[in-house]
Amino acid sequence: MTEPKISKISKGRKTRASVLKADQEAEWRKQLDQGTKAAKTYAMDKTYVLDDRVDHQTFGVGVVVSLIPPDKINVFFQDGLKMMKCGG
């Protein structure tokens, strides 16, 4: 019996996922660089406004990109967009 051939991605070739990840990280860095606000430590009972910098224990530093009434925000972290609970 012959073993099945496993195709390998050449060393210089980038996968679609790696390109998307790089684009996402570049956008995240751009968002962080645009503001001058210091990052607030994230807490579910705090209130936030657009463009606030948020320092989350697990996700790191992110930027508030949208408000979802009455008590949620979308925060853009290095890993991507996360919906977070906040004080209304």
C-alpha atoms as a PDB file:
ATOM      1  CA  MET A   1       0.000   0.000   0.000  1.00  0.00           C
ATOM      2  CA  THR A   2       1.204   3.487  -0.780  1.00  0.00           C
ATOM      3  CA  GLU A   3       0.802   6.352   1.616  1.00  0.00           C
ATOM      4  CA  PRO A   4      -1.290   9.329   0.479  1.00  0.00           C
ATOM      5  CA  LYS A   5       0.612  12.399  -0.609  1.00  0.00           C
ATOM      6  CA  ILE A   6       0.223  15.446   1.597  1.00  0.00           C
ATOM      7  CA  SER A   7       0.549  18.766  -0.150  1.00  0.00           C
ATOM      8  CA  LYS A   8       2.653  21.416   1.528  1.00  0.00           C
ATOM      9  CA  ILE A   9       2.327  25.169   1.230  1.00  0.00           C
ATOM     10  CA  SER A  10       5.557  26.644  -0.072  1.00  0.00           C
ATOM     11  CA  LYS A  11       7.534  28.665   2.461  1.00  0.00           C
ATOM     12  CA  GLY A  12       7.044  32.055   0.801  1.00  0.00           C
ATOM     13  CA  ARG A  13       3.319  31.656   0.147  1.00  0.00           C
ATOM     14  CA  LYS A  14       0.827  33.349   2.442  1.00  0.00           C
ATOM     15  CA  THR A  15      -2.518  31.807   3.219  1.00  0.00           C
ATOM     16  CA  ARG A  16      -5.719  33.817   2.971  1.00  0.00           C
ATOM     17  CA  ALA A  17      -6.142  33.600   6.750  1.00  0.00           C
ATOM     18  CA  SER A  18      -2.678  35.021   7.405  1.00  0.00           C
ATOM     19  CA  VAL A  19      -3.293  37.918   5.006  1.00  0.00           C
ATOM     20  CA  LEU A  20      -6.646  38.705   6.668  1.00  0.00           C
ATOM     21  CA  LYS A  21      -5.023  38.535  10.119  1.00  0.00           C
ATOM     22  CA  ALA A  22      -2.298  40.947   9.013  1.00  0.00           C
ATOM     23  CA  ASP A  23      -4.891  43.349   7.557  1.00  0.00           C
ATOM     24  CA  GLN A  24      -6.928  43.176  10.765  1.00  0.00           C
ATOM     25  CA  GLU A  25      -3.872  43.887  12.915  1.00  0.00           C
ATOM     26  CA  ALA A  26      -2.915  46.839  10.705  1.00  0.00           C
ATOM     27  CA  GLU A  27      -6.431  48.284  11.054  1.00  0.00           C
ATOM     28  CA  TRP A  28      -6.333  47.775  14.838  1.00  0.00           C
ATOM     29  CA  ARG A  29      -2.990  49.594  15.085  1.00  0.00           C
ATOM     30  CA  LYS A  30      -4.361  52.414  12.911  1.00  0.00           C
ATOM     31  CA  GLN A  31      -7.408  52.770  15.210  1.00  0.00           C
ATOM     32  CA  LEU A  32      -5.191  52.907  18.310  1.00  0.00           C
ATOM     33  CA  ASP A  33      -2.873  55.485  16.752  1.00  0.00           C
ATOM     34  CA  GLN A  34      -5.720  57.856  15.827  1.00  0.00           C
ATOM     35  CA  GLY A  35      -6.683  58.797  19.370  1.00  0.00           C
ATOM     36  CA  THR A  36      -4.892  60.419  22.241  1.00  0.00           C
ATOM     37  CA  LYS A  37      -7.064  59.093  25.066  1.00  0.00           C
ATOM     38  CA  ALA A  38      -5.459  56.917  27.723  1.00  0.00           C
ATOM     39  CA  ALA A  39      -6.870  53.392  27.994  1.00  0.00           C
ATOM     40  CA  LYS A  40      -9.494  52.786  30.684  1.00  0.00           C
ATOM     41  CA  THR A  41      -9.385  49.493  32.554  1.00  0.00           C
ATOM     42  CA  TYR A  42     -12.426  47.520  31.374  1.00  0.00           C
ATOM     43  CA  ALA A  43     -15.237  46.874  33.847  1.00  0.00           C
ATOM     44  CA  MET A  44     -18.789  45.770  33.039  1.00  0.00           C
ATOM     45  CA  ASP A  45     -20.270  48.524  35.212  1.00  0.00           C
ATOM     46  CA  LYS A  46     -18.367  51.418  33.564  1.00  0.00           C
ATOM     47  CA  THR A  47     -19.765  53.559  30.768  1.00  0.00           C
ATOM     48  CA  TYR A  48     -17.898  54.176  27.518  1.00  0.00           C
ATOM     49  CA  VAL A  49     -18.138  56.498  24.517  1.00  0.00           C
ATOM     50  CA  LEU A  50     -16.983  56.084  20.918  1.00  0.00           C
ATOM     51  CA  ASP A  51     -13.210  56.032  20.479  1.00  0.00           C
ATOM     52  CA  ASP A  52     -12.526  55.225  24.149  1.00  0.00           C
ATOM     53  CA  ARG A  53      -9.471  53.045  24.622  1.00  0.00           C
ATOM     54  CA  VAL A  54     -10.248  49.975  26.724  1.00  0.00           C
ATOM     55  CA  ASP A  55      -7.660  47.825  28.489  1.00  0.00           C
ATOM     56  CA  HIS A  56      -9.139  44.334  28.945  1.00  0.00           C
ATOM     57  CA  GLN A  57      -7.501  41.702  31.155  1.00  0.00           C
ATOM     58  CA  THR A  58      -7.762  38.980  28.476  1.00  0.00           C
ATOM     59  CA  PHE A  59      -7.995  40.792  25.116  1.00  0.00           C
ATOM     60  CA  GLY A  60      -5.545  43.650  25.743  1.00  0.00           C
ATOM     61  CA  VAL A  61      -6.081  47.199  24.515  1.00  0.00           C
ATOM     62  CA  GLY A  62      -8.953  47.946  22.153  1.00  0.00           C
ATOM     63  CA  VAL A  63     -11.003  50.823  20.774  1.00  0.00           C
ATOM     64  CA  VAL A  64     -14.754  51.324  21.239  1.00  0.00           C
ATOM     65  CA  VAL A  65     -16.130  51.401  17.688  1.00  0.00           C
ATOM     66  CA  SER A  66     -19.886  51.293  18.346  1.00  0.00           C
ATOM     67  CA  LEU A  67     -22.433  51.618  21.131  1.00  0.00           C
ATOM     68  CA  ILE A  68     -25.296  49.130  21.385  1.00  0.00           C
ATOM     69  CA  PRO A  69     -27.998  50.493  23.703  1.00  0.00           C
ATOM     70  CA  PRO A  70     -28.787  49.959  26.428  1.00  0.00           C
ATOM     71  CA  ASP A  71     -25.723  48.167  27.821  1.00  0.00           C
ATOM     72  CA  LYS A  72     -23.258  46.862  25.215  1.00  0.00           C
ATOM     73  CA  ILE A  73     -20.329  48.136  23.165  1.00  0.00           C
ATOM     74  CA  ASN A  74     -18.312  46.765  20.259  1.00  0.00           C
ATOM     75  CA  VAL A  75     -14.591  46.952  20.927  1.00  0.00           C
ATOM     76  CA  PHE A  76     -11.962  46.367  18.239  1.00  0.00           C
ATOM     77  CA  PHE A  77      -9.078  44.398  19.777  1.00  0.00           C
ATOM     78  CA  GLN A  78      -6.006  42.955  18.088  1.00  0.00           C
ATOM     79  CA  ASP A  79      -7.867  39.612  17.869  1.00  0.00           C
ATOM     80  CA  GLY A  80     -10.892  41.236  16.258  1.00  0.00           C
ATOM     81  CA  LEU A  81     -14.234  42.745  17.184  1.00  0.00           C
ATOM     82  CA  LYS A  82     -15.744  41.776  20.541  1.00  0.00           C
ATOM     83  CA  MET A  83     -19.157  42.676  21.943  1.00  0.00           C
ATOM     84  CA  MET A  84     -18.777  43.685  25.586  1.00  0.00           C
ATOM     85  CA  LYS A  85     -21.230  44.435  28.377  1.00  0.00           C
ATOM     86  CA  CYS A  86     -21.069  47.873  29.968  1.00  0.00           C
ATOM     87  CA  GLY A  87     -22.977  50.110  32.353  1.00  0.00           C
ATOM     88  CA  GLY A  88     -25.831  51.735  30.431  1.00  0.00           C
END
